[in-house]
């Protein structure tokens, strides 16, 4: 018996934004899906508009698996995770151990196929797209909460938007200009587009 997929199924139990009052709770499974969609979109934009040599399906898979270690570690809030270099380094080591633990839950003959997603090469262009999508997702969460009258996310939105603007990937600029503004619209407003 292999518990790998049973563990991944528990992503729906890992709550995000633990230090913030949420109007709409978000879990890691929902976030992973949104991140995968946006990362895939960034890869398509990069390939089609900028001629980048990238496989959107690989980026999609990387994004889908980018937080799976949190089924073991839980979601450490960003202000804690990046408080200082020691905490950041320790958490990176814990994430690495969690990914390895998940890999051992797979049959030996399947591990090599999953290793690139559970232990990605963080220097690749594909991974940079996933990390950009992850930040965009955080920004969109802030918009969602603000649209529902929750001011708890005001400062987070400002600081996250600043990090997105500092990103030099042209795909990110395109997404923020062409797609992100529609997340501020209601269903009726979207229906008129």
C-alpha atoms as a PDB file:
ATOM      1  CA  UNK A   1       0.000   0.000   0.000  1.00  0.00           C
ATOM      2  CA  UNK A   2       1.289   3.468  -0.958  1.00  0.00           C
ATOM      3  CA  UNK A   3       0.014   6.579   0.871  1.00  0.00           C
ATOM      4  CA  UNK A   4       1.344   9.147  -1.629  1.00  0.00           C
ATOM      5  CA  UNK A   5      -1.981  10.184  -3.173  1.00  0.00           C
ATOM      6  CA  UNK A   6      -3.813   9.945   0.142  1.00  0.00           C
ATOM      7  CA  UNK A   7      -1.323  12.466   1.517  1.00  0.00           C
ATOM      8  CA  UNK A   8      -1.761  14.755  -1.507  1.00  0.00           C
ATOM      9  CA  UNK A   9      -5.516  14.589  -1.020  1.00  0.00           C
ATOM     10  CA  UNK A  10      -4.958  16.207   2.375  1.00  0.00           C
ATOM     11  CA  UNK A  11      -3.875  19.440   0.658  1.00  0.00           C
ATOM     12  CA  UNK A  12      -7.525  20.439   0.955  1.00  0.00           C
ATOM     13  CA  UNK A  13      -7.093  20.438   4.746  1.00  0.00           C
ATOM     14  CA  UNK A  14      -4.125  22.824   4.811  1.00  0.00           C
ATOM     15  CA  UNK A  15      -5.435  26.345   5.374  1.00  0.00           C
ATOM     16  CA  UNK A  16      -3.569  29.302   3.934  1.00  0.00           C
ATOM     17  CA  UNK A  17      -3.239  32.836   5.281  1.00  0.00           C
ATOM     18  CA  UNK A  18      -3.270  31.596   8.872  1.00  0.00           C
ATOM     19  CA  UNK A  19      -2.425  34.950  10.465  1.00  0.00           C
ATOM     20  CA  UNK A  20      -5.091  36.868   8.539  1.00  0.00           C
ATOM     21  CA  UNK A  21      -8.854  37.076   8.985  1.00  0.00           C
ATOM     22  CA  UNK A  22     -10.246  35.560   5.806  1.00  0.00           C
ATOM     23  CA  UNK A  23     -13.683  36.238   4.386  1.00  0.00           C
ATOM     24  CA  UNK A  24     -13.183  33.330   1.986  1.00  0.00           C
ATOM     25  CA  UNK A  25     -10.964  30.594   3.443  1.00  0.00           C
ATOM     26  CA  UNK A  26      -8.419  29.159   1.034  1.00  0.00           C
ATOM     27  CA  UNK A  27      -6.705  25.774   1.189  1.00  0.00           C
ATOM     28  CA  UNK A  28      -3.562  24.456  -0.482  1.00  0.00           C
ATOM     29  CA  UNK A  29      -5.466  22.323  -2.989  1.00  0.00           C
ATOM     30  CA  UNK A  30      -7.435  25.321  -4.273  1.00  0.00           C
ATOM     31  CA  UNK A  31      -4.302  27.440  -4.334  1.00  0.00           C
ATOM     32  CA  UNK A  32      -2.341  24.783  -6.224  1.00  0.00           C
ATOM     33  CA  UNK A  33      -5.005  24.642  -8.926  1.00  0.00           C
ATOM     34  CA  UNK A  34      -5.080  28.421  -9.312  1.00  0.00           C
ATOM     35  CA  UNK A  35      -1.290  28.602  -9.345  1.00  0.00           C
ATOM     36  CA  UNK A  36      -1.112  25.855 -11.973  1.00  0.00           C
ATOM     37  CA  UNK A  37      -3.583  27.686 -14.238  1.00  0.00           C
ATOM     38  CA  UNK A  38      -1.728  30.985 -13.963  1.00  0.00           C
ATOM     39  CA  UNK A  39       1.743  29.429 -14.312  1.00  0.00           C
ATOM     40  CA  UNK A  40       0.564  27.579 -17.420  1.00  0.00           C
ATOM     41  CA  UNK A  41      -0.778  30.861 -18.786  1.00  0.00           C
ATOM     42  CA  UNK A  42       2.520  32.619 -18.105  1.00  0.00           C
ATOM     43  CA  UNK A  43       4.356  29.836 -19.936  1.00  0.00           C
ATOM     44  CA  UNK A  44       2.025  30.079 -22.935  1.00  0.00           C
ATOM     45  CA  UNK A  45       2.487  33.859 -23.028  1.00  0.00           C
ATOM     46  CA  UNK A  46       6.254  33.397 -22.808  1.00  0.00           C
ATOM     47  CA  UNK A  47       6.342  30.864 -25.601  1.00  0.00           C
ATOM     48  CA  UNK A  48       3.842  32.527 -27.954  1.00  0.00           C
ATOM     49  CA  UNK A  49       4.660  36.200 -27.475  1.00  0.00           C
ATOM     50  CA  UNK A  50       8.312  36.172 -26.468  1.00  0.00           C
ATOM     51  CA  UNK A  51       9.633  33.026 -28.148  1.00  0.00           C
ATOM     52  CA  UNK A  52      10.828  31.438 -24.921  1.00  0.00           C
ATOM     53  CA  UNK A  53      11.736  27.774 -25.064  1.00  0.00           C
ATOM     54  CA  UNK A  54       9.352  26.519 -22.387  1.00  0.00           C
ATOM     55  CA  UNK A  55       6.936  23.622 -22.106  1.00  0.00           C
ATOM     56  CA  UNK A  56       3.685  24.960 -20.580  1.00  0.00           C
ATOM     57  CA  UNK A  57       2.642  21.460 -19.463  1.00  0.00           C
ATOM     58  CA  UNK A  58       5.867  21.061 -17.490  1.00  0.00           C
ATOM     59  CA  UNK A  59       5.263  24.443 -15.849  1.00  0.00           C
ATOM     60  CA  UNK A  60       1.678  23.409 -15.101  1.00  0.00           C
ATOM     61  CA  UNK A  61       2.899  20.235 -13.378  1.00  0.00           C
ATOM     62  CA  UNK A  62       5.557  22.082 -11.391  1.00  0.00           C
ATOM     63  CA  UNK A  63       2.939  24.534 -10.162  1.00  0.00           C
ATOM     64  CA  UNK A  64       0.464  21.815  -9.289  1.00  0.00           C
ATOM     65  CA  UNK A  65       3.054  20.175  -7.030  1.00  0.00           C
ATOM     66  CA  UNK A  66       4.769  23.338  -5.732  1.00  0.00           C
ATOM     67  CA  UNK A  67       3.259  23.234  -2.227  1.00  0.00           C
ATOM     68  CA  UNK A  68       2.703  19.491  -1.710  1.00  0.00           C
ATOM     69  CA  UNK A  69       5.272  19.345   1.076  1.00  0.00           C
ATOM     70  CA  UNK A  70       2.859  21.378   3.173  1.00  0.00           C
ATOM     71  CA  UNK A  71       0.795  18.233   3.768  1.00  0.00           C
ATOM     72  CA  UNK A  72       3.635  17.361   6.124  1.00  0.00           C
ATOM     73  CA  UNK A  73       4.844  20.796   7.277  1.00  0.00           C
ATOM     74  CA  UNK A  74       1.644  22.815   7.199  1.00  0.00           C
ATOM     75  CA  UNK A  75       1.622  26.322   5.740  1.00  0.00           C
ATOM     76  CA  UNK A  76       4.069  28.558   7.544  1.00  0.00           C
ATOM     77  CA  UNK A  77       2.874  32.173   7.189  1.00  0.00           C
ATOM     78  CA  UNK A  78       5.074  34.350   4.980  1.00  0.00           C
ATOM     79  CA  UNK A  79       5.900  36.909   7.701  1.00  0.00           C
ATOM     80  CA  UNK A  80       7.310  34.078   9.817  1.00  0.00           C
ATOM     81  CA  UNK A  81       8.966  32.161   6.956  1.00  0.00           C
ATOM     82  CA  UNK A  82      10.959  35.177   5.811  1.00  0.00           C
ATOM     83  CA  UNK A  83      11.453  36.906   9.171  1.00  0.00           C
ATOM     84  CA  UNK A  84      15.207  36.307   9.145  1.00  0.00           C
ATOM     85  CA  UNK A  85      17.776  34.232   7.235  1.00  0.00           C
ATOM     86  CA  UNK A  86      17.987  31.559   9.936  1.00  0.00           C
ATOM     87  CA  UNK A  87      14.254  30.844   9.879  1.00  0.00           C
ATOM     88  CA  UNK A  88      14.182  30.958   6.086  1.00  0.00           C
ATOM     89  CA  UNK A  89      17.082  28.500   5.838  1.00  0.00           C
ATOM     90  CA  UNK A  90      15.630  26.159   8.446  1.00  0.00           C
ATOM     91  CA  UNK A  91      12.273  26.148   6.697  1.00  0.00           C
ATOM     92  CA  UNK A  92      13.917  25.389   3.325  1.00  0.00           C
ATOM     93  CA  UNK A  93      15.569  22.366   4.938  1.00  0.00           C
ATOM     94  CA  UNK A  94      12.248  21.250   6.441  1.00  0.00           C
ATOM     95  CA  UNK A  95      10.552  21.626   3.031  1.00  0.00           C
ATOM     96  CA  UNK A  96      13.301  19.545   1.466  1.00  0.00           C
ATOM     97  CA  UNK A  97      12.870  16.796   4.052  1.00  0.00           C
ATOM     98  CA  UNK A  98       9.085  16.821   3.513  1.00  0.00           C
ATOM     99  CA  UNK A  99       9.539  16.424  -0.246  1.00  0.00           C
ATOM    100  CA  UNK A 100      11.913  13.525   0.285  1.00  0.00           C
ATOM    101  CA  UNK A 101       9.438  11.922   2.679  1.00  0.00           C
ATOM    102  CA  UNK A 102       6.712  12.179   0.040  1.00  0.00           C
ATOM    103  CA  UNK A 103       9.000  10.634  -2.570  1.00  0.00           C
ATOM    104  CA  UNK A 104       9.580   7.626  -0.316  1.00  0.00           C
ATOM    105  CA  UNK A 105       5.815   7.065  -0.248  1.00  0.00           C
ATOM    106  CA  UNK A 106       5.945   6.208  -3.951  1.00  0.00           C
ATOM    107  CA  UNK A 107       6.948   2.819  -5.308  1.00  0.00           C
ATOM    108  CA  UNK A 108      10.660   2.862  -6.169  1.00  0.00           C
ATOM    109  CA  UNK A 109      10.031   2.598  -9.920  1.00  0.00           C
ATOM    110  CA  UNK A 110       7.909   5.799  -9.954  1.00  0.00           C
ATOM    111  CA  UNK A 111      10.137   8.064  -7.866  1.00  0.00           C
ATOM    112  CA  UNK A 112      12.293   9.305 -10.733  1.00  0.00           C
ATOM    113  CA  UNK A 113       9.179  10.490 -12.604  1.00  0.00           C
ATOM    114  CA  UNK A 114       8.019  12.573  -9.626  1.00  0.00           C
ATOM    115  CA  UNK A 115      11.385  13.864  -8.430  1.00  0.00           C
ATOM    116  CA  UNK A 116      11.470  16.859 -10.861  1.00  0.00           C
ATOM    117  CA  UNK A 117       8.150  18.075  -9.420  1.00  0.00           C
ATOM    118  CA  UNK A 118       8.763  17.359  -5.764  1.00  0.00           C
ATOM    119  CA  UNK A 119      12.417  18.468  -5.821  1.00  0.00           C
ATOM    120  CA  UNK A 120      12.463  21.022  -8.674  1.00  0.00           C
ATOM    121  CA  UNK A 121      15.546  22.726 -10.014  1.00  0.00           C
ATOM    122  CA  UNK A 122      14.876  26.210  -8.669  1.00  0.00           C
ATOM    123  CA  UNK A 123      17.307  27.817 -11.105  1.00  0.00           C
ATOM    124  CA  UNK A 124      15.164  27.057 -14.173  1.00  0.00           C
ATOM    125  CA  UNK A 125      13.038  29.463 -16.142  1.00  0.00           C
ATOM    126  CA  UNK A 126      10.040  27.149 -15.593  1.00  0.00           C
ATOM    127  CA  UNK A 127      10.424  27.420 -11.816  1.00  0.00           C
ATOM    128  CA  UNK A 128      10.683  31.213 -12.065  1.00  0.00           C
ATOM    129  CA  UNK A 129       7.305  31.196 -13.819  1.00  0.00           C
ATOM    130  CA  UNK A 130       5.827  29.060 -11.010  1.00  0.00           C
ATOM    131  CA  UNK A 131       7.151  31.436  -8.340  1.00  0.00           C
ATOM    132  CA  UNK A 132       5.761  34.404 -10.278  1.00  0.00           C
ATOM    133  CA  UNK A 133       2.382  32.691 -10.535  1.00  0.00           C
ATOM    134  CA  UNK A 134       2.480  32.010  -6.791  1.00  0.00           C
ATOM    135  CA  UNK A 135       2.936  35.749  -6.114  1.00  0.00           C
ATOM    136  CA  UNK A 136       0.166  36.630  -8.571  1.00  0.00           C
ATOM    137  CA  UNK A 137      -2.133  34.219  -6.723  1.00  0.00           C
ATOM    138  CA  UNK A 138      -1.359  36.008  -3.453  1.00  0.00           C
ATOM    139  CA  UNK A 139      -2.195  39.330  -5.092  1.00  0.00           C
ATOM    140  CA  UNK A 140      -5.468  37.943  -6.464  1.00  0.00           C
ATOM    141  CA  UNK A 141      -6.383  36.651  -3.000  1.00  0.00           C
ATOM    142  CA  UNK A 142      -5.912  40.179  -1.675  1.00  0.00           C
ATOM    143  CA  UNK A 143      -8.191  41.547  -4.390  1.00  0.00           C
ATOM    144  CA  UNK A 144     -10.825  38.922  -3.564  1.00  0.00           C
ATOM    145  CA  UNK A 145     -10.758  39.811   0.116  1.00  0.00           C
ATOM    146  CA  UNK A 146     -10.866  43.556  -0.565  1.00  0.00           C
ATOM    147  CA  UNK A 147     -13.808  43.100  -2.935  1.00  0.00           C
ATOM    148  CA  UNK A 148     -15.664  41.544  -0.004  1.00  0.00           C
ATOM    149  CA  UNK A 149     -14.861  44.497   2.237  1.00  0.00           C
ATOM    150  CA  UNK A 150     -12.022  42.875   4.169  1.00  0.00           C
ATOM    151  CA  UNK A 151      -9.360  45.529   4.828  1.00  0.00           C
ATOM    152  CA  UNK A 152      -7.142  42.938   6.536  1.00  0.00           C
ATOM    153  CA  UNK A 153      -5.430  42.380   3.178  1.00  0.00           C
ATOM    154  CA  UNK A 154      -4.758  46.043   2.280  1.00  0.00           C
ATOM    155  CA  UNK A 155      -1.101  46.119   3.333  1.00  0.00           C
ATOM    156  CA  UNK A 156      -0.443  42.626   1.984  1.00  0.00           C
ATOM    157  CA  UNK A 157      -1.791  43.692  -1.417  1.00  0.00           C
ATOM    158  CA  UNK A 158       0.509  46.716  -1.513  1.00  0.00           C
ATOM    159  CA  UNK A 159       3.644  44.772  -0.585  1.00  0.00           C
ATOM    160  CA  UNK A 160       2.830  41.821  -2.869  1.00  0.00           C
ATOM    161  CA  UNK A 161       2.132  44.133  -5.809  1.00  0.00           C
ATOM    162  CA  UNK A 162       5.517  45.764  -5.245  1.00  0.00           C
ATOM    163  CA  UNK A 163       7.284  42.383  -5.500  1.00  0.00           C
ATOM    164  CA  UNK A 164       5.333  41.584  -8.673  1.00  0.00           C
ATOM    165  CA  UNK A 165       6.333  44.909 -10.226  1.00  0.00           C
ATOM    166  CA  UNK A 166       9.980  44.107  -9.443  1.00  0.00           C
ATOM    167  CA  UNK A 167       9.718  40.865 -11.425  1.00  0.00           C
ATOM    168  CA  UNK A 168      11.537  41.227 -14.735  1.00  0.00           C
ATOM    169  CA  UNK A 169       9.736  38.437 -16.606  1.00  0.00           C
ATOM    170  CA  UNK A 170       7.752  40.026 -19.460  1.00  0.00           C
ATOM    171  CA  UNK A 171       5.016  37.380 -19.071  1.00  0.00           C
ATOM    172  CA  UNK A 172       4.264  38.731 -15.605  1.00  0.00           C
ATOM    173  CA  UNK A 173       3.848  42.263 -16.958  1.00  0.00           C
ATOM    174  CA  UNK A 174       1.493  40.995 -19.650  1.00  0.00           C
ATOM    175  CA  UNK A 175      -0.589  38.975 -17.187  1.00  0.00           C
ATOM    176  CA  UNK A 176      -0.869  41.886 -14.750  1.00  0.00           C
ATOM    177  CA  UNK A 177      -1.853  44.290 -17.539  1.00  0.00           C
ATOM    178  CA  UNK A 178      -4.199  42.055 -19.545  1.00  0.00           C
ATOM    179  CA  UNK A 179      -5.689  39.563 -17.087  1.00  0.00           C
ATOM    180  CA  UNK A 180      -5.356  40.676 -13.457  1.00  0.00           C
ATOM    181  CA  UNK A 181      -7.674  43.718 -13.681  1.00  0.00           C
ATOM    182  CA  UNK A 182     -10.660  41.489 -14.505  1.00  0.00           C
ATOM    183  CA  UNK A 183     -10.372  39.872 -11.048  1.00  0.00           C
ATOM    184  CA  UNK A 184     -11.700  43.114  -9.580  1.00  0.00           C
ATOM    185  CA  UNK A 185     -14.976  42.780 -11.507  1.00  0.00           C
ATOM    186  CA  UNK A 186     -18.247  41.253 -10.376  1.00  0.00           C
ATOM    187  CA  UNK A 187     -19.889  38.434 -12.352  1.00  0.00           C
ATOM    188  CA  UNK A 188     -22.276  40.906 -13.966  1.00  0.00           C
ATOM    189  CA  UNK A 189     -19.352  43.100 -15.017  1.00  0.00           C
ATOM    190  CA  UNK A 190     -17.418  40.093 -16.353  1.00  0.00           C
ATOM    191  CA  UNK A 191     -20.469  39.000 -18.335  1.00  0.00           C
ATOM    192  CA  UNK A 192     -20.484  42.311 -20.205  1.00  0.00           C
ATOM    193  CA  UNK A 193     -16.925  41.942 -21.480  1.00  0.00           C
END
